[in-house]
């Protein structure tokens, strides 16, 4: 399924670069490579999974329109993929999502429905609208076709880096990207280790890997890392994470902001807080890693100007 998904999406996705800087290597004490998915269409890896799901859908089902829920990156990925397939998209977004993400989703032609993430259930809203209008739901992570699309990041990393051993750090919310990369690398680079990375206070994946069962976050909002804030990892993604991933790494918001600043100054890329947590782990949690090479996925770059200024003007 992974290679079939990549065959469908390869003509339209960007093969993003694997970047490096001697300054980052010095901080980490090892070689640091950054997979710049912030340079992907719509500014995040989410386009891969969205296009995979839509291109793998029955044509008649797709023609009725699609619906998705997202804080912004999946929203934009689905909106663009829907436009490319000539169908409509309805996106359910939290009212406190970054205004840039809401505006971009609308600009791509999607209808945006806002909700209060502390009081309303996005799953209930999505199910109701889907049934009412006959829309096909594209989940942000707990969907085999979405996971297969995200796995293409792992396939590209394996082709771009020939290190015998490497630690791969992946920003983790619901686990779609992390599980996809872990699946791809389990075959392409079985000696490598994949680590989910999360912000403090939202470390459900890390705790789930320790306990062996899906743990939930007690908080639903209040983090600058909005792109990777979910109640828990998915029912489909967790068994994959549990089987193929090494221990999780948890970083602070300040470390994420520092990583954003370093990505900008040393690699000349713009990364959002949630997308910078893997680089933060590589730079500031090196004692939790082993080996000479670490690969950090910079999963997205959709950040409001005020938040970006907060990171770089320090």
Foldseek 3Di string as FASTA:
>chain_A
DLVVLCVQCVVPKDLFDWDFFVVLCVLLVFTETERLQCPIVLRFLLLLLLLLVLVPDDLVLPQLEAEEEALASVLLSNLQSNVVSVHAYEYEHEPPRPPLRVVNSVVSPYHYHYDHQVPDDVVVVRVVVCVVRVHHYDYSAQDVSSLSRLLVNLVSVLVNDPDLEEEEEEAAAQQSNQLSNLVNCCPSRVRYAYAYEEEPQQPQLLVCLVVVHWDFRPDQDDAQLRRRGDRTHDPRRNVSCNPRHDHYHYDYQLLLLQQQQCCCVGVVDAAGSSLRRQSSCSRPVSVVDDDRYYYYYSGGRRDDPVSNCVSNVD
